[in-house]
N, C-alpha and C. Protein backbone atom coordinates (compact mmCIF):
# COMPACT_ATOMS: atom_id res chain seq x y z
N MET A 1 -51.27 58.95 -45.64
CA MET A 1 -51.38 58.11 -44.12
C MET A 1 -50.25 57.65 -44.17
N VAL A 2 -49.44 57.51 -42.72
CA VAL A 2 -48.71 56.78 -42.04
C VAL A 2 -49.18 55.31 -41.42
N ALA A 3 -48.81 54.57 -41.54
CA ALA A 3 -48.89 53.37 -40.60
C ALA A 3 -47.88 52.77 -39.75
N HIS A 4 -48.21 52.72 -38.78
CA HIS A 4 -46.71 51.99 -37.60
C HIS A 4 -47.46 50.55 -37.02
N ALA A 5 -46.76 49.89 -36.89
CA ALA A 5 -46.96 48.17 -35.93
C ALA A 5 -47.56 48.68 -34.75
N LYS A 6 -48.38 48.22 -34.37
CA LYS A 6 -48.64 48.94 -32.73
C LYS A 6 -47.88 47.95 -31.99
N GLY A 7 -47.01 46.83 -32.41
CA GLY A 7 -46.06 46.07 -31.16
C GLY A 7 -45.91 45.07 -32.14
N TRP A 8 -44.85 44.42 -31.72
CA TRP A 8 -44.05 43.30 -32.97
C TRP A 8 -43.45 42.18 -32.01
N LYS A 9 -43.18 41.41 -32.29
CA LYS A 9 -42.87 40.37 -31.64
C LYS A 9 -41.09 39.99 -32.07
N GLU A 10 -40.12 40.18 -31.24
CA GLU A 10 -38.46 40.21 -31.30
C GLU A 10 -38.53 38.98 -32.16
N ASN A 11 -37.45 38.83 -33.30
CA ASN A 11 -37.01 37.98 -34.13
C ASN A 11 -38.24 37.50 -35.11
N ALA A 12 -38.65 38.62 -35.56
CA ALA A 12 -40.03 38.30 -36.45
C ALA A 12 -39.40 37.77 -38.12
N THR A 13 -39.90 36.66 -38.49
CA THR A 13 -39.46 36.63 -39.67
C THR A 13 -39.77 37.38 -40.88
N ARG A 14 -38.86 37.26 -42.19
CA ARG A 14 -39.66 38.12 -43.22
C ARG A 14 -40.99 37.89 -43.59
N ASP A 15 -41.51 36.35 -44.04
CA ASP A 15 -42.37 36.04 -44.05
C ASP A 15 -43.48 36.68 -43.31
N GLU A 16 -43.53 36.85 -42.12
CA GLU A 16 -44.46 37.50 -41.28
C GLU A 16 -44.60 38.97 -41.18
N LEU A 17 -43.51 39.48 -41.41
CA LEU A 17 -43.26 40.71 -41.87
C LEU A 17 -44.16 41.49 -42.87
N GLU A 18 -43.77 40.39 -44.05
CA GLU A 18 -44.43 40.42 -45.30
C GLU A 18 -45.68 40.86 -45.52
N ALA A 19 -46.41 39.60 -45.09
CA ALA A 19 -47.84 38.71 -44.58
C ALA A 19 -48.53 39.98 -43.82
N TYR A 20 -47.90 40.67 -42.77
CA TYR A 20 -48.91 41.47 -41.67
C TYR A 20 -48.73 42.83 -42.46
N TRP A 21 -47.64 43.74 -42.91
CA TRP A 21 -47.48 44.74 -44.14
C TRP A 21 -48.52 44.67 -44.97
N SER A 22 -49.03 43.24 -45.62
CA SER A 22 -49.51 43.70 -47.25
C SER A 22 -51.03 43.64 -46.73
N ARG A 23 -50.96 42.91 -45.81
CA ARG A 23 -52.61 42.86 -44.88
C ARG A 23 -53.02 44.25 -44.53
N GLU A 24 -52.25 45.15 -43.76
CA GLU A 24 -52.55 46.31 -43.32
C GLU A 24 -52.58 47.57 -44.37
N LEU A 25 -51.62 47.37 -45.64
CA LEU A 25 -51.85 48.05 -46.39
C LEU A 25 -52.78 48.04 -47.11
N LYS A 26 -53.13 46.62 -47.69
CA LYS A 26 -54.58 46.48 -48.26
C LYS A 26 -55.65 47.06 -47.70
N LYS A 27 -55.89 46.85 -46.53
CA LYS A 27 -56.81 47.66 -45.68
C LYS A 27 -56.72 49.00 -45.80
N ALA A 28 -55.69 49.64 -45.66
CA ALA A 28 -55.48 51.28 -45.53
C ALA A 28 -55.86 51.68 -47.31
N THR A 29 -55.74 50.53 -48.00
CA THR A 29 -55.90 51.28 -49.44
C THR A 29 -57.48 51.20 -50.10
N THR A 30 -58.09 50.08 -49.36
CA THR A 30 -59.56 49.61 -49.31
C THR A 30 -60.46 50.79 -48.52
N GLU A 31 -59.93 51.47 -47.80
CA GLU A 31 -60.60 52.85 -46.85
C GLU A 31 -60.11 53.94 -47.57
N THR A 32 -59.40 54.15 -48.42
CA THR A 32 -59.04 55.51 -48.74
C THR A 32 -58.83 55.09 -50.21
N GLU A 33 -58.55 56.51 -51.13
CA GLU A 33 -58.15 56.10 -52.60
C GLU A 33 -56.82 56.31 -52.71
N CYS A 34 -56.19 55.43 -52.25
CA CYS A 34 -54.74 55.41 -51.94
C CYS A 34 -54.43 55.35 -53.57
N LYS A 35 -53.31 55.60 -54.12
CA LYS A 35 -53.00 54.97 -55.36
C LYS A 35 -51.25 54.50 -55.17
N THR A 36 -50.72 54.90 -54.37
CA THR A 36 -49.61 54.49 -54.34
C THR A 36 -48.97 53.83 -52.99
N VAL A 37 -48.46 53.23 -52.68
CA VAL A 37 -47.84 52.40 -51.03
C VAL A 37 -46.29 52.23 -51.00
N CYS A 38 -46.31 52.24 -50.12
CA CYS A 38 -44.71 52.00 -49.81
C CYS A 38 -44.20 51.68 -48.34
N SER A 39 -43.84 50.41 -48.14
CA SER A 39 -43.04 49.96 -46.63
C SER A 39 -41.52 49.92 -46.85
N CYS A 40 -41.25 50.18 -45.40
CA CYS A 40 -39.54 50.07 -45.49
C CYS A 40 -38.91 49.86 -44.10
N ALA A 41 -38.04 49.17 -44.37
CA ALA A 41 -37.60 48.46 -42.75
C ALA A 41 -36.06 48.52 -43.00
N ASP A 42 -35.43 48.72 -41.67
CA ASP A 42 -33.93 48.42 -41.71
C ASP A 42 -33.49 46.84 -41.70
N VAL A 43 -32.79 46.69 -42.54
CA VAL A 43 -32.32 45.43 -42.69
C VAL A 43 -30.96 45.00 -42.34
N ARG A 44 -30.36 43.60 -42.71
CA ARG A 44 -29.07 43.57 -43.02
C ARG A 44 -28.96 42.66 -44.49
N VAL A 45 -28.20 42.96 -45.10
CA VAL A 45 -27.88 42.57 -46.54
C VAL A 45 -26.63 41.31 -46.60
N PRO A 46 -26.93 40.39 -46.67
CA PRO A 46 -26.01 39.47 -47.04
C PRO A 46 -24.51 40.10 -47.88
N MET A 47 -23.33 40.07 -47.88
CA MET A 47 -22.36 40.74 -48.60
C MET A 47 -21.99 39.66 -48.91
N ASP A 48 -20.89 39.74 -50.01
CA ASP A 48 -20.25 38.41 -50.83
C ASP A 48 -19.38 38.23 -49.59
N SER A 49 -18.60 38.45 -48.63
CA SER A 49 -17.81 38.27 -47.91
C SER A 49 -18.69 37.39 -46.54
N GLY A 50 -20.22 36.94 -46.80
CA GLY A 50 -20.95 36.64 -45.61
C GLY A 50 -21.44 37.20 -44.44
N ASP A 51 -20.96 38.45 -44.44
CA ASP A 51 -21.22 39.22 -43.21
C ASP A 51 -22.16 39.79 -43.67
N PRO A 52 -22.96 40.40 -42.63
CA PRO A 52 -24.36 41.08 -43.05
C PRO A 52 -23.77 42.75 -42.93
N ALA A 53 -24.67 43.32 -44.10
CA ALA A 53 -24.62 44.94 -43.73
C ALA A 53 -25.67 45.62 -43.95
N PRO A 54 -25.71 46.76 -42.89
CA PRO A 54 -26.97 47.06 -42.54
C PRO A 54 -27.46 48.09 -44.01
N GLY A 55 -28.79 47.61 -43.81
CA GLY A 55 -29.58 48.92 -45.17
C GLY A 55 -30.96 49.01 -44.89
N ILE A 56 -31.12 49.89 -46.08
CA ILE A 56 -32.48 50.14 -45.88
C ILE A 56 -33.53 49.65 -46.83
N PHE A 57 -34.76 48.88 -46.80
CA PHE A 57 -35.43 48.29 -47.74
C PHE A 57 -36.55 48.86 -47.94
N ILE A 58 -37.14 49.20 -49.63
CA ILE A 58 -38.05 50.05 -49.60
C ILE A 58 -38.71 49.14 -50.48
N HIS A 59 -40.50 48.92 -50.46
CA HIS A 59 -41.25 48.04 -51.39
C HIS A 59 -42.00 49.24 -51.67
N LEU A 60 -41.87 49.54 -53.65
CA LEU A 60 -42.99 50.54 -53.48
C LEU A 60 -43.88 49.86 -54.39
N GLU A 61 -45.07 50.25 -54.33
CA GLU A 61 -46.07 50.01 -55.18
C GLU A 61 -47.07 51.58 -55.70
N GLN A 62 -47.33 51.47 -57.44
CA GLN A 62 -48.70 52.34 -57.73
C GLN A 62 -49.19 51.93 -58.74
N ILE A 63 -50.25 52.31 -58.41
CA ILE A 63 -51.27 51.50 -59.36
C ILE A 63 -51.07 51.70 -60.97
N GLY A 64 -50.89 50.68 -61.63
CA GLY A 64 -50.80 50.86 -62.92
C GLY A 64 -48.97 50.85 -63.43
N SER A 65 -48.11 50.67 -62.28
CA SER A 65 -46.88 50.44 -62.64
C SER A 65 -46.35 49.05 -62.09
N PRO A 66 -45.32 48.85 -62.26
CA PRO A 66 -44.63 47.56 -61.81
C PRO A 66 -44.47 48.00 -60.36
N ALA A 67 -44.24 47.20 -59.33
CA ALA A 67 -43.71 46.94 -58.33
C ALA A 67 -42.34 47.21 -57.96
N GLU A 68 -41.67 47.72 -57.18
CA GLU A 68 -40.26 47.88 -56.88
C GLU A 68 -39.46 47.75 -55.77
N ASP A 69 -38.44 46.88 -55.57
CA ASP A 69 -37.96 46.57 -54.11
C ASP A 69 -36.77 47.48 -54.54
N ILE A 70 -35.96 48.28 -53.33
CA ILE A 70 -35.06 48.96 -53.56
C ILE A 70 -34.59 48.80 -52.13
N VAL A 71 -32.61 48.49 -52.32
CA VAL A 71 -32.16 48.81 -51.20
C VAL A 71 -30.99 49.58 -50.92
N TYR A 72 -31.19 50.30 -50.31
CA TYR A 72 -29.66 51.01 -50.34
C TYR A 72 -28.94 50.77 -48.60
N PRO A 73 -27.84 50.23 -48.71
CA PRO A 73 -27.17 49.98 -48.11
C PRO A 73 -26.28 51.23 -47.02
N TYR A 74 -26.14 51.47 -46.01
CA TYR A 74 -25.61 52.73 -45.08
C TYR A 74 -24.66 52.40 -44.12
N LEU A 75 -23.94 53.41 -44.25
CA LEU A 75 -22.97 53.73 -43.12
C LEU A 75 -23.63 54.69 -41.80
N LYS A 76 -23.21 54.31 -40.72
CA LYS A 76 -23.57 55.44 -39.68
C LYS A 76 -22.22 56.24 -39.81
N ASP A 77 -22.81 57.28 -39.43
CA ASP A 77 -22.13 58.69 -39.65
C ASP A 77 -22.16 59.35 -38.88
N GLY A 78 -21.33 59.22 -37.62
CA GLY A 78 -21.15 59.93 -36.25
C GLY A 78 -22.22 59.46 -35.40
N ILE A 79 -22.92 60.07 -34.55
CA ILE A 79 -24.11 59.80 -33.77
C ILE A 79 -25.52 59.61 -34.29
N SER A 80 -25.79 60.45 -35.35
CA SER A 80 -27.35 60.65 -35.55
C SER A 80 -27.16 60.63 -37.13
N GLY A 81 -25.98 60.91 -37.88
CA GLY A 81 -26.09 60.63 -39.40
C GLY A 81 -25.57 59.44 -40.09
N VAL A 82 -25.89 59.41 -41.21
CA VAL A 82 -26.14 58.25 -42.02
C VAL A 82 -25.76 58.47 -43.38
N LYS A 83 -24.74 57.65 -44.34
CA LYS A 83 -24.21 57.79 -45.29
C LYS A 83 -25.31 56.87 -46.13
N LEU A 84 -25.73 56.91 -47.20
CA LEU A 84 -26.51 56.26 -48.04
C LEU A 84 -25.38 55.69 -48.98
N GLY A 85 -25.66 54.28 -49.65
CA GLY A 85 -24.56 53.49 -50.42
C GLY A 85 -25.35 54.04 -51.88
N THR A 86 -24.96 53.04 -52.94
CA THR A 86 -24.94 52.93 -54.05
C THR A 86 -26.82 52.10 -53.93
N PRO A 87 -27.91 52.55 -54.54
CA PRO A 87 -29.15 51.47 -54.14
C PRO A 87 -28.73 50.17 -55.21
N THR A 88 -29.72 49.28 -54.88
CA THR A 88 -29.88 48.41 -55.66
C THR A 88 -31.27 48.21 -55.87
N SER A 89 -31.75 47.72 -57.05
CA SER A 89 -33.56 47.90 -57.35
C SER A 89 -34.08 46.58 -58.27
N VAL A 90 -35.09 46.58 -57.91
CA VAL A 90 -35.03 45.00 -58.74
C VAL A 90 -37.10 45.14 -58.64
N GLU A 91 -37.68 44.65 -60.14
CA GLU A 91 -38.82 44.59 -60.21
C GLU A 91 -39.36 43.73 -59.57
N THR A 92 -40.51 43.83 -59.21
CA THR A 92 -40.91 42.32 -58.18
C THR A 92 -42.69 42.21 -58.43
N GLU A 93 -43.14 41.63 -57.49
CA GLU A 93 -44.35 41.23 -57.89
C GLU A 93 -45.32 42.62 -57.04
N SER A 94 -46.49 42.53 -57.18
CA SER A 94 -47.38 43.60 -56.51
C SER A 94 -47.61 42.53 -55.47
N ARG A 95 -47.72 43.36 -54.29
CA ARG A 95 -48.39 42.46 -53.13
C ARG A 95 -49.67 43.09 -52.22
N VAL A 96 -49.64 44.52 -52.80
CA VAL A 96 -50.78 44.96 -51.90
C VAL A 96 -51.96 45.59 -53.25
N PHE A 97 -51.66 45.96 -54.68
CA PHE A 97 -52.53 46.07 -55.72
C PHE A 97 -52.61 44.92 -56.39
N ALA A 98 -52.21 43.96 -55.61
CA ALA A 98 -52.53 42.41 -56.80
C ALA A 98 -53.70 42.42 -57.02
N ALA A 99 -54.46 41.78 -58.25
CA ALA A 99 -55.43 41.15 -58.63
C ALA A 99 -56.18 40.23 -57.51
N SER A 100 -55.20 39.52 -57.20
CA SER A 100 -55.59 38.53 -56.28
C SER A 100 -55.09 39.10 -54.52
N GLN A 101 -56.17 39.37 -53.92
CA GLN A 101 -56.18 39.70 -52.81
C GLN A 101 -55.58 38.61 -51.44
N SER A 102 -54.97 37.49 -51.69
CA SER A 102 -54.46 36.67 -50.74
C SER A 102 -53.52 37.36 -49.89
N ASP A 103 -53.01 36.59 -48.79
CA ASP A 103 -52.23 37.12 -47.58
C ASP A 103 -51.07 36.31 -47.99
N VAL A 104 -50.65 35.45 -49.13
CA VAL A 104 -49.65 34.47 -49.08
C VAL A 104 -48.23 35.35 -49.43
N PRO A 105 -47.58 35.61 -48.55
CA PRO A 105 -45.93 36.14 -48.75
C PRO A 105 -45.33 35.85 -49.80
N HIS A 106 -44.49 36.93 -50.37
CA HIS A 106 -44.07 36.42 -51.79
C HIS A 106 -42.15 36.74 -51.20
N SER A 107 -41.41 36.00 -51.54
CA SER A 107 -39.85 35.89 -51.73
C SER A 107 -39.43 36.91 -52.86
N TYR A 108 -38.95 37.90 -52.78
CA TYR A 108 -38.89 38.50 -53.98
C TYR A 108 -37.36 39.06 -53.99
N MET A 109 -36.38 39.30 -52.94
CA MET A 109 -34.98 39.45 -53.37
C MET A 109 -33.92 38.55 -53.13
N SER A 110 -34.13 37.15 -53.45
CA SER A 110 -33.16 36.53 -53.41
C SER A 110 -32.65 36.18 -55.08
N ASN A 111 -31.06 36.86 -55.24
CA ASN A 111 -30.53 37.14 -56.26
C ASN A 111 -31.28 37.42 -57.21
N ARG A 112 -32.32 38.72 -57.33
CA ARG A 112 -32.68 38.96 -58.18
C ARG A 112 -32.50 40.49 -58.48
N VAL A 113 -31.09 41.07 -57.59
CA VAL A 113 -31.28 42.19 -57.29
C VAL A 113 -30.54 43.04 -58.75
N SER A 114 -30.19 44.13 -59.25
CA SER A 114 -29.65 44.32 -60.47
C SER A 114 -29.07 45.85 -59.99
N ARG A 115 -27.95 46.24 -60.48
CA ARG A 115 -27.58 47.67 -60.37
C ARG A 115 -28.10 48.91 -60.81
N ARG A 116 -28.49 50.18 -60.45
CA ARG A 116 -29.26 50.80 -61.39
C ARG A 116 -28.06 51.82 -61.76
């Protein structure tokens, strides 16, 4: 199953996005026998220089395993190509398969990223 946002306001905050997708994925997993969920976003990652760099953010959860956040930095290669950089990954809290089904968003990437 693939879920898409029906519409979104410009400049939504991270907490708004996390709350929305956590809620939508929770609904989807209760309606099916889904055991794995994943969400992704095109993000800007702050670099040591302070400049933002483009990245692909992936949040992955599977029942019985720790949740994981992965960021792949990328560079555009021509008109439609992309070169992925080395990913960074961190184990994080589950938002969809958590024991508590609250909609409270989690701040989970700040200063907890490790190189693979």
